[in-house]
PDB file of N, CA and C in Angstrom:
ATOM      1  N   MET A   1      27.275  -5.588 -63.913  1.00  0.00           N
ATOM      2  CA  MET A   1      27.741  -6.172 -63.067  1.00  0.00           C
ATOM      3  C   MET A   1      26.766  -7.077 -62.135  1.00  0.00           C
ATOM      4  N   THR A   2      26.532  -7.810 -61.675  1.00  0.00           N
ATOM      5  CA  THR A   2      26.650  -9.052 -60.358  1.00  0.00           C
ATOM      6  C   THR A   2      27.428  -8.500 -59.265  1.00  0.00           C
ATOM      7  N   ASN A   3      27.127  -9.057 -57.970  1.00  0.00           N
ATOM      8  CA  ASN A   3      26.887  -8.900 -56.885  1.00  0.00           C
ATOM      9  C   ASN A   3      28.417  -9.968 -56.641  1.00  0.00           C
ATOM     10  N   LEU A   4      29.609  -9.296 -57.256  1.00  0.00           N
ATOM     11  CA  LEU A   4      31.175 -10.342 -56.892  1.00  0.00           C
ATOM     12  C   LEU A   4      31.628  -9.831 -55.881  1.00  0.00           C
ATOM     13  N   PRO A   5      32.013 -11.595 -55.197  1.00  0.00           N
ATOM     14  CA  PRO A   5      32.626 -11.252 -53.890  1.00  0.00           C
ATOM     15  C   PRO A   5      34.245 -10.165 -54.007  1.00  0.00           C
ATOM     16  N   HIS A   6      33.764  -9.973 -52.209  1.00  0.00           N
ATOM     17  CA  HIS A   6      35.059  -8.232 -52.436  1.00  0.00           C
ATOM     18  C   HIS A   6      36.203  -8.662 -52.758  1.00  0.00           C
ATOM     19  N   ASP A   7      37.331  -9.816 -52.829  1.00  0.00           N
ATOM     20  CA  ASP A   7      38.213  -9.576 -53.141  1.00  0.00           C
ATOM     21  C   ASP A   7      38.549  -9.791 -54.944  1.00  0.00           C
ATOM     22  N   TYR A   8      37.432 -10.217 -55.980  1.00  0.00           N
ATOM     23  CA  TYR A   8      37.751 -10.220 -57.396  1.00  0.00           C
ATOM     24  C   TYR A   8      36.701  -8.593 -56.660  1.00  0.00           C
ATOM     25  N   TYR A   9      36.137  -8.030 -56.628  1.00  0.00           N
ATOM     26  CA  TYR A   9      35.893  -6.655 -57.102  1.00  0.00           C
ATOM     27  C   TYR A   9      36.771  -5.044 -56.067  1.00  0.00           C
ATOM     28  N   VAL A  10      37.836  -5.624 -55.485  1.00  0.00           N
ATOM     29  CA  VAL A  10      39.087  -5.344 -55.123  1.00  0.00           C
ATOM     30  C   VAL A  10      39.835  -5.142 -56.343  1.00  0.00           C
ATOM     31  N   THR A  11      40.134  -6.242 -56.466  1.00  0.00           N
ATOM     32  CA  THR A  11      41.568  -6.666 -57.523  1.00  0.00           C
ATOM     33  C   THR A  11      41.059  -6.043 -59.178  1.00  0.00           C
ATOM     34  N   LEU A  12      39.566  -5.824 -59.469  1.00  0.00           N
ATOM     35  CA  LEU A  12      38.873  -5.529 -60.590  1.00  0.00           C
ATOM     36  C   LEU A  12      38.817  -4.299 -60.397  1.00  0.00           C
ATOM     37  N   LEU A  13      39.263  -3.570 -59.498  1.00  0.00           N
ATOM     38  CA  LEU A  13      39.231  -2.091 -59.085  1.00  0.00           C
ATOM     39  C   LEU A  13      40.661  -2.036 -59.209  1.00  0.00           C
ATOM     40  N   LYS A  14      41.784  -2.536 -58.369  1.00  0.00           N
ATOM     41  CA  LYS A  14      43.154  -2.109 -58.891  1.00  0.00           C
ATOM     42  C   LYS A  14      43.439  -2.672 -59.982  1.00  0.00           C
ATOM     43  N   ILE A  15      43.378  -3.475 -61.003  1.00  0.00           N
ATOM     44  CA  ILE A  15      43.620  -3.688 -62.160  1.00  0.00           C
ATOM     45  C   ILE A  15      43.094  -2.086 -63.433  1.00  0.00           C
ATOM     46  N   LEU A  16      41.642  -1.694 -63.018  1.00  0.00           N
ATOM     47  CA  LEU A  16      40.532  -0.979 -63.904  1.00  0.00           C
ATOM     48  C   LEU A  16      41.603   0.421 -64.183  1.00  0.00           C
ATOM     49  N   LEU A  17      42.700   0.936 -62.403  1.00  0.00           N
ATOM     50  CA  LEU A  17      42.653   2.428 -62.242  1.00  0.00           C
ATOM     51  C   LEU A  17      44.155   2.041 -62.443  1.00  0.00           C
ATOM     52  N   LYS A  18      44.708   0.964 -62.278  1.00  0.00           N
ATOM     53  CA  LYS A  18      46.304   0.956 -62.893  1.00  0.00           C
ATOM     54  C   LYS A  18      46.351   0.993 -64.514  1.00  0.00           C
ATOM     55  N   LYS A  19      45.259   0.723 -65.289  1.00  0.00           N
ATOM     56  CA  LYS A  19      45.433   1.253 -66.526  1.00  0.00           C
ATOM     57  C   LYS A  19      44.968   2.161 -67.043  1.00  0.00           C
ATOM     58  N   SER A  20      43.981   3.227 -65.902  1.00  0.00           N
ATOM     59  CA  SER A  20      43.090   4.292 -66.730  1.00  0.00           C
ATOM     60  C   SER A  20      44.234   6.067 -66.320  1.00  0.00           C
ATOM     61  N   PRO A  21      43.867   6.153 -67.419  1.00  0.00           N
ATOM     62  CA  PRO A  21      44.399   7.523 -66.874  1.00  0.00           C
ATOM     63  C   PRO A  21      44.260   8.628 -66.713  1.00  0.00           C
ATOM     64  N   CYS A  22      44.448   9.617 -66.330  1.00  0.00           N
ATOM     65  CA  CYS A  22      44.098  10.708 -64.637  1.00  0.00           C
ATOM     66  C   CYS A  22      42.556  10.308 -64.475  1.00  0.00           C
ATOM     67  N   ALA A  23      42.367  11.516 -65.551  1.00  0.00           N
ATOM     68  CA  ALA A  23      41.040  11.618 -65.627  1.00  0.00           C
ATOM     69  C   ALA A  23      39.704  10.651 -66.348  1.00  0.00           C
ATOM     70  N   ASP A  24      40.277   9.783 -66.538  1.00  0.00           N
ATOM     71  CA  ASP A  24      39.002   8.401 -66.553  1.00  0.00           C
ATOM     72  C   ASP A  24      39.021   7.556 -65.210  1.00  0.00           C
ATOM     73  N   LYS A  25      39.743   7.887 -64.261  1.00  0.00           N
ATOM     74  CA  LYS A  25      39.247   7.500 -62.786  1.00  0.00           C
ATOM     75  C   LYS A  25      39.213   7.902 -61.887  1.00  0.00           C
ATOM     76  N   PHE A  26      38.666   9.169 -62.321  1.00  0.00           N
ATOM     77  CA  PHE A  26      37.146   9.902 -61.568  1.00  0.00           C
ATOM     78  C   PHE A  26      35.390   9.745 -62.401  1.00  0.00           C
ATOM     79  N   ARG A  27      35.673   9.553 -63.314  1.00  0.00           N
ATOM     80  CA  ARG A  27      34.980   8.558 -64.318  1.00  0.00           C
ATOM     81  C   ARG A  27      33.847   7.478 -63.688  1.00  0.00           C
ATOM     82  N   LEU A  28      35.509   6.234 -63.248  1.00  0.00           N
ATOM     83  CA  LEU A  28      35.502   5.074 -63.117  1.00  0.00           C
ATOM     84  C   LEU A  28      35.052   5.653 -61.497  1.00  0.00           C
ATOM     85  N   VAL A  29      34.868   6.248 -60.905  1.00  0.00           N
ATOM     86  CA  VAL A  29      34.640   5.639 -59.485  1.00  0.00           C
ATOM     87  C   VAL A  29      33.333   6.306 -58.971  1.00  0.00           C
ATOM     88  N   GLU A  30      32.941   7.759 -60.248  1.00  0.00           N
ATOM     89  CA  GLU A  30      31.461   7.597 -60.388  1.00  0.00           C
ATOM     90  C   GLU A  30      31.026   6.482 -60.563  1.00  0.00           C
ATOM     91  N   VAL A  31      31.019   5.733 -61.855  1.00  0.00           N
ATOM     92  CA  VAL A  31      30.420   4.330 -61.949  1.00  0.00           C
ATOM     93  C   VAL A  31      30.552   3.286 -60.777  1.00  0.00           C
ATOM     94  N   LEU A  32      31.406   2.801 -60.497  1.00  0.00           N
ATOM     95  CA  LEU A  32      32.066   1.942 -59.495  1.00  0.00           C
ATOM     96  C   LEU A  32      30.937   2.658 -57.740  1.00  0.00           C
ATOM     97  N   GLU A  33      31.123   3.935 -57.613  1.00  0.00           N
ATOM     98  CA  GLU A  33      29.957   3.839 -56.568  1.00  0.00           C
ATOM     99  C   GLU A  33      28.548   4.010 -56.701  1.00  0.00           C
ATOM    100  N   ARG A  34      28.084   4.407 -57.812  1.00  0.00           N
ATOM    101  CA  ARG A  34      27.556   3.685 -58.464  1.00  0.00           C
ATOM    102  C   ARG A  34      26.314   2.637 -58.682  1.00  0.00           C
ATOM    103  N   GLU A  35      27.624   1.686 -58.729  1.00  0.00           N
ATOM    104  CA  GLU A  35      27.496   0.597 -59.378  1.00  0.00           C
ATOM    105  C   GLU A  35      26.907  -0.121 -57.547  1.00  0.00           C
ATOM    106  N   ALA A  36      27.860  -0.001 -56.758  1.00  0.00           N
ATOM    107  CA  ALA A  36      27.982  -0.265 -54.854  1.00  0.00           C
ATOM    108  C   ALA A  36      26.684  -0.121 -54.489  1.00  0.00           C
ATOM    109  N   MET A  37      26.287   1.222 -54.639  1.00  0.00           N
ATOM    110  CA  MET A  37      24.973   1.439 -53.793  1.00  0.00           C
ATOM    111  C   MET A  37      23.838   0.738 -54.909  1.00  0.00           C
ATOM    112  N   ARG A  38      23.884   0.240 -55.830  1.00  0.00           N
ATOM    113  CA  ARG A  38      22.729  -0.719 -56.502  1.00  0.00           C
ATOM    114  C   ARG A  38      22.799  -1.688 -56.165  1.00  0.00           C
ATOM    115  N   ILE A  39      23.964  -2.633 -56.072  1.00  0.00           N
ATOM    116  CA  ILE A  39      24.855  -3.837 -55.752  1.00  0.00           C
ATOM    117  C   ILE A  39      23.965  -3.770 -53.993  1.00  0.00           C
ATOM    118  N   ALA A  40      24.032  -2.972 -52.953  1.00  0.00           N
ATOM    119  CA  ALA A  40      23.772  -3.289 -51.747  1.00  0.00           C
ATOM    120  C   ALA A  40      22.759  -2.553 -51.627  1.00  0.00           C
ATOM    121  N   ALA A  41      21.754  -1.929 -52.316  1.00  0.00           N
ATOM    122  CA  ALA A  41      21.371  -0.676 -51.894  1.00  0.00           C
ATOM    123  C   ALA A  41      20.426  -1.437 -50.520  1.00  0.00           C
ATOM    124  N   SER A  42      20.283  -2.703 -49.738  1.00  0.00           N
ATOM    125  CA  SER A  42      19.601  -3.135 -48.824  1.00  0.00           C
ATOM    126  C   SER A  42      19.980  -3.501 -47.465  1.00  0.00           C
ATOM    127  N   CYS A  43      21.509  -3.235 -47.853  1.00  0.00           N
ATOM    128  CA  CYS A  43      22.252  -3.445 -46.781  1.00  0.00           C
ATOM    129  C   CYS A  43      23.440  -1.884 -46.801  1.00  0.00           C
ATOM    130  N   PRO A  44      22.671  -0.299 -46.092  1.00  0.00           N
ATOM    131  CA  PRO A  44      23.499   0.495 -46.291  1.00  0.00           C
ATOM    132  C   PRO A  44      25.269   0.328 -45.737  1.00  0.00           C
ATOM    133  N   ALA A  45      25.567  -0.354 -44.576  1.00  0.00           N
ATOM    134  CA  ALA A  45      26.643  -0.853 -44.832  1.00  0.00           C
ATOM    135  C   ALA A  45      27.436  -0.952 -45.726  1.00  0.00           C
ATOM    136  N   ILE A  46      27.218  -1.504 -46.243  1.00  0.00           N
ATOM    137  CA  ILE A  46      27.581  -2.308 -46.843  1.00  0.00           C
ATOM    138  C   ILE A  46      28.094  -1.433 -48.407  1.00  0.00           C
ATOM    139  N   SER A  47      27.363  -0.762 -48.623  1.00  0.00           N
ATOM    140  CA  SER A  47      27.340   0.153 -49.669  1.00  0.00           C
ATOM    141  C   SER A  47      28.641   1.251 -49.254  1.00  0.00           C
ATOM    142  N   GLN A  48      28.442   1.711 -48.635  1.00  0.00           N
ATOM    143  CA  GLN A  48      29.427   3.032 -47.590  1.00  0.00           C
ATOM    144  C   GLN A  48      30.649   1.944 -47.918  1.00  0.00           C
ATOM    145  N   ALA A  49      30.982   1.122 -47.275  1.00  0.00           N
ATOM    146  CA  ALA A  49      32.110   0.376 -47.272  1.00  0.00           C
ATOM    147  C   ALA A  49      32.680   0.454 -48.791  1.00  0.00           C
ATOM    148  N   LYS A  50      32.113  -0.346 -49.037  1.00  0.00           N
ATOM    149  CA  LYS A  50      32.328  -0.996 -51.074  1.00  0.00           C
ATOM    150  C   LYS A  50      32.930   1.328 -51.668  1.00  0.00           C
ATOM    151  N   SER A  51      32.254   2.166 -51.140  1.00  0.00           N
ATOM    152  CA  SER A  51      32.436   3.597 -51.820  1.00  0.00           C
ATOM    153  C   SER A  51      32.991   3.927 -50.590  1.00  0.00           C
ATOM    154  N   SER A  52      33.563   3.497 -49.762  1.00  0.00           N
ATOM    155  CA  SER A  52      34.784   4.016 -49.241  1.00  0.00           C
ATOM    156  C   SER A  52      36.405   3.990 -49.836  1.00  0.00           C
ATOM    157  N   LEU A  53      35.972   2.690 -50.378  1.00  0.00           N
ATOM    158  CA  LEU A  53      37.492   1.169 -50.972  1.00  0.00           C
ATOM    159  C   LEU A  53      37.889   2.168 -51.988  1.00  0.00           C
ATOM    160  N   VAL A  54      36.479   2.313 -52.885  1.00  0.00           N
ATOM    161  CA  VAL A  54      36.770   3.113 -53.887  1.00  0.00           C
ATOM    162  C   VAL A  54      37.722   4.307 -54.279  1.00  0.00           C
ATOM    163  N   THR A  55      37.300   5.330 -53.150  1.00  0.00           N
ATOM    164  CA  THR A  55      37.700   6.614 -52.658  1.00  0.00           C
ATOM    165  C   THR A  55      38.718   6.711 -52.701  1.00  0.00           C
ATOM    166  N   ARG A  56      39.414   5.142 -51.635  1.00  0.00           N
ATOM    167  CA  ARG A  56      40.955   5.305 -50.888  1.00  0.00           C
ATOM    168  C   ARG A  56      41.634   5.067 -52.117  1.00  0.00           C
ATOM    169  N   ILE A  57      40.846   3.675 -52.982  1.00  0.00           N
ATOM    170  CA  ILE A  57      42.119   3.260 -54.062  1.00  0.00           C
ATOM    171  C   ILE A  57      42.510   4.457 -54.969  1.00  0.00           C
ATOM    172  N   VAL A  58      41.742   5.102 -55.077  1.00  0.00           N
ATOM    173  CA  VAL A  58      41.288   6.530 -56.666  1.00  0.00           C
ATOM    174  C   VAL A  58      42.413   6.887 -55.443  1.00  0.00           C
ATOM    175  N   MET A  59      42.544   7.779 -54.383  1.00  0.00           N
ATOM    176  CA  MET A  59      42.866   8.737 -54.095  1.00  0.00           C
ATOM    177  C   MET A  59      44.106   8.637 -53.962  1.00  0.00           C
ATOM    178  N   ARG A  60      44.439   7.518 -53.312  1.00  0.00           N
ATOM    179  CA  ARG A  60      46.545   6.946 -53.467  1.00  0.00           C
ATOM    180  C   ARG A  60      46.491   6.964 -54.356  1.00  0.00           C
ATOM    181  N   GLY A  61      45.928   6.474 -56.056  1.00  0.00           N
ATOM    182  CA  GLY A  61      46.554   6.337 -57.193  1.00  0.00           C
ATOM    183  C   GLY A  61      46.383   8.042 -58.504  1.00  0.00           C
ATOM    184  N   ALA A  62      46.117   8.295 -57.561  1.00  0.00           N
ATOM    185  CA  ALA A  62      45.833   9.916 -58.839  1.00  0.00           C
ATOM    186  C   ALA A  62      47.335  10.669 -58.094  1.00  0.00           C
ATOM    187  N   LYS A  63      47.624  10.235 -56.705  1.00  0.00           N
ATOM    188  CA  LYS A  63      48.895  10.722 -56.861  1.00  0.00           C
ATOM    189  C   LYS A  63      50.488  10.537 -58.061  1.00  0.00           C
TER     190      LYS A  63
END
């Protein structure tokens, strides 16, 4: 993945999480968090915001 615009990133997450079974959502979150850390390694605030976003989306989707 490259450094995607924020809106594209959020839309992609929503689509993937909607189509993923519950067990796969947690695996998907791990991959996305790692990718967010890699993309924003030079800016901890961006990395933390993306990780937080992923966690919030998954926790809502897992209910």
